Amino acid sequence: MRKTIKYKEPLAKVLKVIVNAEITKILLQLDAAPPSPLFPSGLYLKNKPEKLASELHYLKDNLNPYFLFETYEKENTLKEGKKYIFRCWWTPDQFEIATNKNIQWEKQRFLNDKDHEHCLLTWEEISTNSKNKEAYKSEYGWITIEAYEKFIAQNKFRLRK
């Protein structure tokens, strides 16, 4: 019988937090190299892994095992010297969908009442029976209006440089 190896999420030690008016810079030391893309991602409490402590929107510098992230949140409760669970949010395909400026998105009403789709970026359901009856469609699939506004139109995480 083959032994199952449980996945262990990497831990990140917060070395420095620099807060200014628009951008918070967070310097981390990771105990293991997580899969890419490294951003967007989040830091989660070790004793409550479902509790998000901080979003990490953009990787500014990578000097493995040291990583400098930017976040565009106003509030920050991270403690320097404390360790958090580091969790990547997207696969390489999702990152490509969010950052590729050549993808043509068209707002459409979802018409198939016998099926549904999931947002390529958030996994939210898109269907005639969900809150997402309209969404944006491309050759790659569907994204919700909220995901389009946040990641494509407003470029909230500054990924589309």
Protein backbone atom coordinates (compact mmCIF):
# COMPACT_ATOMS: atom_id res chain seq x y z
CA MET A 1 0.00 0.00 0.00
CA ARG A 2 1.27 3.41 -0.98
CA LYS A 3 1.68 6.00 1.75
CA THR A 4 -0.19 9.27 1.26
CA ILE A 5 1.79 12.43 1.83
CA LYS A 6 -0.27 15.29 3.19
CA TYR A 7 0.35 18.67 1.57
CA LYS A 8 1.88 21.14 3.99
CA GLU A 9 1.22 24.76 3.20
CA PRO A 10 4.31 26.97 3.38
CA LEU A 11 4.74 29.31 6.31
CA ALA A 12 5.77 32.93 5.93
CA LYS A 13 7.50 34.93 8.61
CA VAL A 14 6.71 38.65 8.44
CA LEU A 15 10.03 40.47 8.58
CA LYS A 16 8.87 44.03 7.89
CA VAL A 17 5.63 45.92 7.24
CA ILE A 18 5.85 49.41 5.73
CA VAL A 19 2.54 51.27 5.52
CA ASN A 20 1.99 54.45 3.53
CA ALA A 21 -1.06 56.20 2.07
CA GLU A 22 -1.75 53.87 -0.87
CA ILE A 23 0.58 50.88 -0.62
CA THR A 24 1.60 48.55 2.17
CA LYS A 25 4.87 46.70 1.54
CA ILE A 26 5.33 43.38 3.30
CA LEU A 27 8.69 41.60 3.43
CA LEU A 28 8.34 37.85 4.02
CA GLN A 29 10.64 34.90 4.52
CA LEU A 30 9.06 31.69 3.24
CA ASP A 31 10.03 28.32 4.69
CA ALA A 32 9.34 26.52 1.39
CA ALA A 33 8.92 27.55 -2.21
CA PRO A 34 5.21 27.52 -3.07
CA PRO A 35 3.96 26.86 -6.58
CA SER A 36 3.70 29.83 -8.89
CA PRO A 37 2.15 32.25 -9.43
CA LEU A 38 3.05 33.70 -6.04
CA PHE A 39 0.51 36.50 -6.37
CA PRO A 40 -2.21 37.31 -5.76
CA SER A 41 -2.07 35.36 -2.53
CA GLY A 42 -2.85 35.69 1.14
CA LEU A 43 -1.51 35.21 4.63
CA TYR A 44 -3.74 33.15 6.94
CA LEU A 45 -3.67 32.59 10.68
CA LYS A 46 -1.91 29.38 11.73
CA ASN A 47 -4.46 28.60 14.44
CA LYS A 48 -7.42 29.46 12.14
CA PRO A 49 -6.34 28.55 8.59
CA GLU A 50 -9.64 29.80 7.13
CA LYS A 51 -9.06 33.33 8.55
CA LEU A 52 -7.37 35.73 6.15
CA ALA A 53 -4.88 38.02 7.89
CA SER A 54 -3.75 39.96 4.81
CA GLU A 55 -4.08 39.93 1.05
CA LEU A 56 -0.86 40.02 -0.99
CA HIS A 57 -1.66 41.64 -4.34
CA TYR A 58 1.63 42.08 -6.16
CA LEU A 59 5.10 40.53 -5.89
CA LYS A 60 7.54 43.44 -6.06
CA ASP A 61 10.79 41.51 -5.53
CA ASN A 62 11.85 37.87 -5.27
CA LEU A 63 15.12 37.03 -3.54
CA ASN A 64 14.19 33.48 -2.53
CA PRO A 65 13.52 32.82 0.38
CA TYR A 66 12.77 36.56 0.83
CA PHE A 67 9.79 38.06 -0.97
CA LEU A 68 8.58 41.66 -1.04
CA PHE A 69 4.86 42.00 -1.65
CA GLU A 70 2.60 44.98 -2.08
CA THR A 71 -0.98 45.14 -0.92
CA TYR A 72 -3.46 47.90 -1.64
CA GLU A 73 -5.64 47.40 1.44
CA LYS A 74 -6.04 50.23 3.91
CA GLU A 75 -5.94 48.12 7.08
CA ASN A 76 -3.11 45.88 8.09
CA THR A 77 -2.93 43.81 11.27
CA LEU A 78 0.18 41.77 10.50
CA LYS A 79 2.72 41.43 13.29
CA GLU A 80 6.41 41.56 12.46
CA GLY A 81 8.16 38.36 13.55
CA LYS A 82 4.94 36.31 13.44
CA LYS A 83 4.45 33.32 11.11
CA TYR A 84 1.40 32.93 8.90
CA ILE A 85 0.23 30.34 6.39
CA PHE A 86 1.11 31.47 2.85
CA ARG A 87 -1.55 30.52 0.31
CA CYS A 88 -1.49 31.20 -3.43
CA TRP A 89 -4.89 32.02 -4.90
CA TRP A 90 -4.54 31.29 -8.61
CA THR A 91 -3.16 28.72 -10.99
CA PRO A 92 -0.88 29.80 -13.86
CA ASP A 93 -3.89 29.67 -16.22
CA GLN A 94 -5.93 31.96 -13.98
CA PHE A 95 -3.02 34.40 -13.74
CA GLU A 96 -2.72 34.44 -17.54
CA ILE A 97 -6.45 35.14 -17.90
CA ALA A 98 -6.27 38.07 -15.47
CA THR A 99 -3.13 39.62 -16.95
CA ASN A 100 -3.49 39.03 -20.71
CA LYS A 101 -4.55 42.34 -22.25
CA ASN A 102 -5.28 40.69 -25.62
CA ILE A 103 -8.26 38.67 -24.36
CA GLN A 104 -11.51 40.13 -25.64
CA TRP A 105 -14.28 40.07 -22.98
CA GLU A 106 -17.92 40.52 -23.95
CA LYS A 107 -20.72 40.99 -21.43
CA GLN A 108 -23.45 38.43 -22.06
CA ARG A 109 -26.51 36.98 -20.42
CA PHE A 110 -26.09 33.28 -19.56
CA LEU A 111 -28.89 31.54 -21.46
CA ASN A 112 -28.48 27.79 -20.86
CA ASP A 113 -31.00 26.98 -18.11
CA LYS A 114 -29.96 23.31 -18.02
CA ASP A 115 -26.29 23.94 -17.20
CA HIS A 116 -23.92 26.38 -15.51
CA GLU A 117 -20.35 27.65 -15.66
CA HIS A 118 -17.89 28.78 -13.02
CA CYS A 119 -15.97 32.04 -13.01
CA LEU A 120 -12.43 31.37 -14.17
CA LEU A 121 -11.02 33.60 -11.42
CA THR A 122 -13.32 33.17 -8.40
CA TRP A 123 -15.11 29.84 -9.03
CA GLU A 124 -18.49 31.51 -8.44
CA GLU A 125 -21.38 29.92 -10.29
CA ILE A 126 -22.70 31.59 -13.43
CA SER A 127 -26.17 30.37 -14.45
CA THR A 128 -29.76 31.38 -15.05
CA ASN A 129 -30.49 30.31 -11.44
CA SER A 130 -27.66 32.16 -9.67
CA LYS A 131 -26.97 35.79 -8.78
CA ASN A 132 -24.60 35.80 -11.79
CA LYS A 133 -27.10 35.67 -14.65
CA GLU A 134 -24.89 38.00 -16.67
CA ALA A 135 -21.12 37.71 -16.95
CA TYR A 136 -18.20 38.35 -19.27
CA LYS A 137 -17.28 35.70 -21.82
CA SER A 138 -14.12 35.17 -23.87
CA GLU A 139 -12.67 32.31 -25.87
CA TYR A 140 -11.37 30.93 -22.54
CA GLY A 141 -14.67 30.92 -20.66
CA TRP A 142 -16.68 33.05 -18.28
CA ILE A 143 -15.88 35.48 -15.45
CA THR A 144 -18.39 37.23 -13.22
CA ILE A 145 -19.13 40.92 -13.60
CA GLU A 146 -17.55 41.49 -10.17
CA ALA A 147 -14.36 39.65 -11.19
CA TYR A 148 -14.21 41.58 -14.47
CA GLU A 149 -14.58 44.91 -12.68
CA LYS A 150 -12.05 44.04 -9.97
CA PHE A 151 -9.32 42.30 -11.97
CA ILE A 152 -9.73 43.52 -15.57
CA ALA A 153 -11.43 46.94 -15.69
CA GLN A 154 -10.22 48.48 -12.42
CA ASN A 155 -7.02 46.41 -12.24
CA LYS A 156 -7.36 46.54 -8.43
CA PHE A 157 -4.28 44.37 -7.80
CA ARG A 158 -2.22 46.19 -10.47
CA LEU A 159 -1.52 42.96 -12.30
CA ARG A 160 -2.14 44.27 -15.82
CA LYS A 161 0.99 46.38 -16.29
